[in-house]
Amino acid sequence: MGIKKGLKEIKAYQDELERRKEAGSKPKTNWLNIPDGKTFSVRFLQELDEDAPGYSEERGVGFFATEHSNPDDYRKKALCTIEDGACYGCEQKELFYKAGDNTRGGGWKAKTRLYINVLVKDDKGKEEVAVMSQANGSKSVVAPMVLQQAIDEGTITDRWWKIKRTGQKAETSYLPMPGAPKDDVKLDEYELFDLNNCVREVPYDEQEAHYSVVADRPDEDARPAAKATTDTSEEW
């Protein structure tokens, strides 16, 4: 609708225009996207801890981010800010739970997601750097397995992983298979994406408008593999 009534709607509209402007000026992120039925080889280019043997200050570390998303559109996503004193996503979760709507309350629960730079080799042998974004929950496999590998072996950058995807959207599953250690990749030769551009931190007073605006980003499953995008909410 083209009409904006009241200062609240006008400010929300201006904030959204500014967000789009800032998103358009950021370096584009290439998200790891494994098509259904394909198996790709993945080499982690960052460690999860600064004490890991493969860590370098220049490359930094991958991280786990705690985020909320609007259950009506998972692309409306932002970092949880409850540690700063207030968080719209946490408030929505509590409101729906108190109203007895456990489905929507659960939909607003904060979820943890892994963000990390990887070197990916597709089934045709093409290599490129991409950002892996993977949920870390009870139904996930890759992120918990990567974390456990880091704990058990002390490093995740020393070997190739084969990852196979099957299914679409909610039915998607991944089968990760770590290989044997192999010293055939010079990690510092690759230019990495800034992971800070991959997550969205929204001030509390702007969060309601942020979660409510109409998402203007395409669906992940409709996008070809290896397409560059400024979307900060990608799932693969």
Protein backbone atom coordinates (compact mmCIF):
# COMPACT_ATOMS: atom_id res chain seq x y z
CA MET A 1 0.00 0.00 0.00
CA GLY A 2 1.41 3.40 -1.00
CA ILE A 3 -0.20 5.43 1.80
CA LYS A 4 1.70 5.92 5.06
CA LYS A 5 -0.39 7.28 7.94
CA GLY A 6 1.12 8.64 11.11
CA LEU A 7 4.69 9.25 12.17
CA LYS A 8 5.22 5.60 13.15
CA GLU A 9 4.45 4.33 9.64
CA ILE A 10 6.45 7.12 8.02
CA LYS A 11 9.50 6.42 10.21
CA ALA A 12 9.25 2.66 9.57
CA TYR A 13 9.11 3.33 5.83
CA GLN A 14 12.13 5.66 5.97
CA ASP A 15 14.08 3.13 8.05
CA GLU A 16 13.31 0.40 5.52
CA LEU A 17 14.48 2.59 2.63
CA GLU A 18 17.71 3.27 4.52
CA ARG A 19 18.18 -0.44 5.22
CA ARG A 20 17.80 -1.25 1.53
CA LYS A 21 20.26 1.49 0.64
CA GLU A 22 22.83 0.15 3.12
CA ALA A 23 22.28 -3.44 1.97
CA GLY A 24 22.83 -2.41 -1.64
CA SER A 25 26.16 -0.76 -0.78
CA LYS A 26 27.57 -3.76 1.11
CA PRO A 27 29.89 -6.23 -0.62
CA LYS A 28 27.80 -9.06 -2.02
CA THR A 29 27.92 -12.35 -0.17
CA ASN A 30 28.17 -15.66 -1.99
CA TRP A 31 26.12 -18.15 0.04
CA LEU A 32 26.78 -21.86 -0.07
CA ASN A 33 23.84 -23.44 -1.89
CA ILE A 34 23.92 -27.18 -2.50
CA PRO A 35 21.19 -28.27 -4.93
CA ASP A 36 18.91 -31.16 -4.04
CA GLY A 37 20.56 -34.52 -4.71
CA LYS A 38 24.06 -33.07 -5.17
CA THR A 39 27.21 -33.76 -3.15
CA PHE A 40 29.75 -30.95 -2.76
CA SER A 41 33.20 -30.96 -1.16
CA VAL A 42 33.68 -28.29 1.50
CA ARG A 43 36.86 -27.06 3.21
CA PHE A 44 36.49 -24.76 6.20
CA LEU A 45 38.64 -21.65 5.82
CA GLN A 46 38.13 -20.49 9.40
CA GLU A 47 38.40 -22.14 12.78
CA LEU A 48 35.83 -21.82 15.55
CA ASP A 49 38.39 -20.86 18.19
CA GLU A 50 41.43 -18.60 18.26
CA ASP A 51 43.47 -21.33 19.98
CA ALA A 52 42.95 -23.79 17.11
CA PRO A 53 46.08 -24.67 15.11
CA GLY A 54 44.60 -23.40 11.84
CA TYR A 55 43.61 -19.99 13.22
CA SER A 56 44.97 -16.78 11.77
CA GLU A 57 44.12 -13.26 12.92
CA GLU A 58 43.61 -12.16 9.33
CA ARG A 59 41.00 -14.83 8.60
CA GLY A 60 39.31 -14.64 11.98
CA VAL A 61 36.85 -17.27 13.20
CA GLY A 62 33.42 -18.53 12.25
CA PHE A 63 30.73 -17.95 14.84
CA PHE A 64 27.32 -19.00 16.11
CA ALA A 65 24.69 -16.25 16.08
CA THR A 66 21.47 -16.27 18.12
CA GLU A 67 18.62 -14.95 15.98
CA HIS A 68 14.86 -14.52 15.84
CA SER A 69 12.77 -14.73 12.70
CA ASN A 70 9.13 -13.94 12.04
CA PRO A 71 7.39 -17.36 11.81
CA ASP A 72 5.28 -16.00 8.95
CA ASP A 73 8.45 -15.30 6.92
CA TYR A 74 11.77 -16.77 8.06
CA ARG A 75 13.62 -14.19 5.95
CA LYS A 76 12.62 -11.44 8.41
CA LYS A 77 15.51 -12.25 10.71
CA ALA A 78 17.70 -10.36 13.20
CA LEU A 79 20.03 -10.97 16.11
CA CYS A 80 18.50 -11.49 19.55
CA THR A 81 19.14 -8.44 21.75
CA ILE A 82 17.81 -9.71 25.09
CA GLU A 83 21.29 -9.38 26.60
CA ASP A 84 21.06 -5.64 25.89
CA GLY A 85 17.89 -5.44 27.99
CA ALA A 86 15.06 -5.77 25.48
CA CYS A 87 14.22 -7.89 22.42
CA TYR A 88 11.07 -7.79 20.28
CA GLY A 89 11.47 -11.45 19.25
CA CYS A 90 11.63 -12.59 22.87
CA GLU A 91 8.58 -10.47 23.69
CA GLN A 92 6.58 -12.03 20.86
CA LYS A 93 7.55 -15.51 22.02
CA GLU A 94 6.28 -14.82 25.54
CA LEU A 95 3.08 -13.16 24.32
CA PHE A 96 2.09 -16.14 22.17
CA TYR A 97 3.01 -18.67 24.85
CA LYS A 98 0.88 -16.80 27.40
CA ALA A 99 -1.97 -16.77 24.88
CA GLY A 100 -1.70 -20.55 24.58
CA ASP A 101 -0.40 -20.46 21.01
CA ASN A 102 2.63 -22.70 21.39
CA THR A 103 3.13 -23.01 17.63
CA ARG A 104 3.65 -19.31 17.06
CA GLY A 105 5.43 -18.94 20.39
CA GLY A 106 7.87 -21.61 19.32
CA GLY A 107 8.21 -19.93 15.95
CA TRP A 108 9.50 -16.79 17.66
CA LYS A 109 12.01 -18.66 19.83
CA ALA A 110 15.62 -17.61 19.38
CA LYS A 111 17.61 -20.06 17.26
CA THR A 112 21.36 -20.49 16.90
CA ARG A 113 23.01 -20.55 13.48
CA LEU A 114 26.58 -21.18 12.33
CA TYR A 115 28.21 -18.68 9.96
CA ILE A 116 31.60 -19.54 8.50
CA ASN A 117 33.64 -19.10 5.31
CA VAL A 118 34.27 -22.24 3.29
CA LEU A 119 35.98 -23.27 0.09
CA VAL A 120 33.41 -25.25 -1.86
CA LYS A 121 34.02 -27.60 -4.77
CA ASP A 122 30.91 -28.57 -6.72
CA ASP A 123 30.28 -31.87 -8.49
CA LYS A 124 31.97 -30.49 -11.63
CA GLY A 125 35.17 -29.54 -9.79
CA LYS A 126 34.56 -25.77 -9.74
CA GLU A 127 35.94 -24.09 -6.63
CA GLU A 128 34.86 -20.85 -4.96
CA VAL A 129 34.64 -19.24 -1.54
CA ALA A 130 31.18 -19.06 0.02
CA VAL A 131 29.57 -18.50 3.40
CA MET A 132 27.96 -21.50 5.05
CA SER A 133 24.87 -20.67 7.11
CA GLN A 134 23.51 -23.64 9.01
CA ALA A 135 21.05 -23.99 11.89
CA ASN A 136 22.35 -25.51 15.10
CA GLY A 137 19.42 -27.34 16.63
CA SER A 138 17.97 -30.73 17.47
CA LYS A 139 16.97 -31.37 13.85
CA SER A 140 20.28 -30.18 12.40
CA VAL A 141 23.27 -32.32 11.57
CA VAL A 142 26.04 -30.26 9.99
CA ALA A 143 26.54 -27.48 12.57
CA PRO A 144 26.53 -29.79 15.64
CA MET A 145 28.88 -32.19 13.86
CA VAL A 146 31.27 -29.37 12.92
CA LEU A 147 31.26 -28.11 16.51
CA GLN A 148 31.92 -31.59 17.84
CA GLN A 149 34.78 -32.00 15.35
CA ALA A 150 36.32 -28.76 16.63
CA ILE A 151 36.04 -30.01 20.23
CA ASP A 152 37.36 -33.51 19.56
CA GLU A 153 40.13 -32.72 17.05
CA GLY A 154 40.95 -29.13 17.96
CA THR A 155 40.61 -28.01 14.34
CA ILE A 156 38.16 -28.05 11.42
CA THR A 157 40.39 -26.60 8.70
CA ASP A 158 42.60 -29.64 8.16
CA ARG A 159 40.37 -31.74 5.88
CA TRP A 160 37.70 -31.80 3.20
CA TRP A 161 34.10 -32.64 4.03
CA LYS A 162 31.62 -34.12 1.59
CA ILE A 163 28.09 -32.85 2.14
CA LYS A 164 25.05 -34.22 0.34
CA ARG A 165 21.71 -32.47 0.27
CA THR A 166 18.35 -34.17 -0.19
CA GLY A 167 14.90 -32.58 -0.14
CA GLN A 168 13.49 -29.07 -0.39
CA LYS A 169 12.78 -26.39 2.24
CA ALA A 170 11.30 -27.92 5.42
CA GLU A 171 12.10 -31.42 4.16
CA THR A 172 15.74 -30.63 3.45
CA SER A 173 18.38 -32.81 5.11
CA TYR A 174 22.16 -32.91 4.84
CA LEU A 175 24.61 -35.77 5.18
CA PRO A 176 28.09 -34.52 6.21
CA MET A 177 31.05 -36.86 5.79
CA PRO A 178 34.45 -35.58 7.02
CA GLY A 179 37.46 -36.98 5.21
CA ALA A 180 40.97 -37.71 6.46
CA PRO A 181 43.36 -34.82 7.24
CA LYS A 182 44.87 -33.49 4.02
CA ASP A 183 47.38 -30.65 3.69
CA ASP A 184 46.51 -29.55 0.15
CA VAL A 185 44.91 -26.15 0.69
CA LYS A 186 46.75 -22.92 1.53
CA LEU A 187 44.05 -21.20 3.56
CA ASP A 188 45.59 -17.71 3.40
CA GLU A 189 45.39 -17.60 -0.39
CA TYR A 190 41.63 -17.06 -0.37
CA GLU A 191 39.75 -13.81 0.14
CA LEU A 192 36.99 -14.29 2.71
CA PHE A 193 33.64 -12.61 3.17
CA ASP A 194 33.07 -10.38 6.20
CA LEU A 195 30.74 -12.43 8.40
CA ASN A 196 29.56 -9.27 10.15
CA ASN A 197 27.70 -8.45 6.93
CA CYS A 198 25.94 -11.81 7.10
CA VAL A 199 23.93 -11.10 10.23
CA ARG A 200 21.58 -8.22 10.97
CA GLU A 201 21.71 -6.31 14.25
CA VAL A 202 18.63 -4.10 14.66
CA PRO A 203 18.16 -1.59 17.51
CA TYR A 204 15.24 -2.44 19.75
CA ASP A 205 13.16 0.58 18.76
CA GLU A 206 13.36 -0.49 15.12
CA GLN A 207 12.75 -4.21 15.60
CA GLU A 208 8.95 -4.22 15.33
CA ALA A 209 9.10 -2.45 11.97
CA HIS A 210 11.97 -4.68 10.83
CA TYR A 211 10.11 -7.92 11.49
CA SER A 212 6.91 -6.54 9.98
CA VAL A 213 8.17 -5.14 6.66
CA VAL A 214 7.55 -7.14 3.53
CA ALA A 215 10.68 -9.10 2.68
CA ASP A 216 12.10 -8.19 -0.71
CA ARG A 217 14.51 -11.09 -0.98
CA PRO A 218 14.03 -14.17 -3.17
CA ASP A 219 13.42 -17.61 -1.77
CA GLU A 220 16.70 -19.52 -1.28
CA ASP A 221 15.50 -22.63 -3.08
CA ALA A 222 14.56 -20.59 -6.15
CA ARG A 223 18.07 -19.21 -6.50
CA PRO A 224 20.72 -20.92 -8.64
CA ALA A 225 23.74 -22.29 -6.81
CA ALA A 226 26.63 -19.90 -6.20
CA LYS A 227 24.63 -16.77 -6.99
CA ALA A 228 25.93 -13.71 -5.15
CA THR A 229 23.46 -11.89 -2.96
CA THR A 230 23.30 -9.39 -0.13
CA ASP A 231 20.68 -11.48 1.67
CA THR A 232 21.68 -12.00 5.30
CA SER A 233 19.33 -14.84 6.13
CA GLU A 234 20.34 -17.62 3.81
CA GLU A 235 19.76 -21.29 4.61
CA TRP A 236 21.36 -24.08 2.64
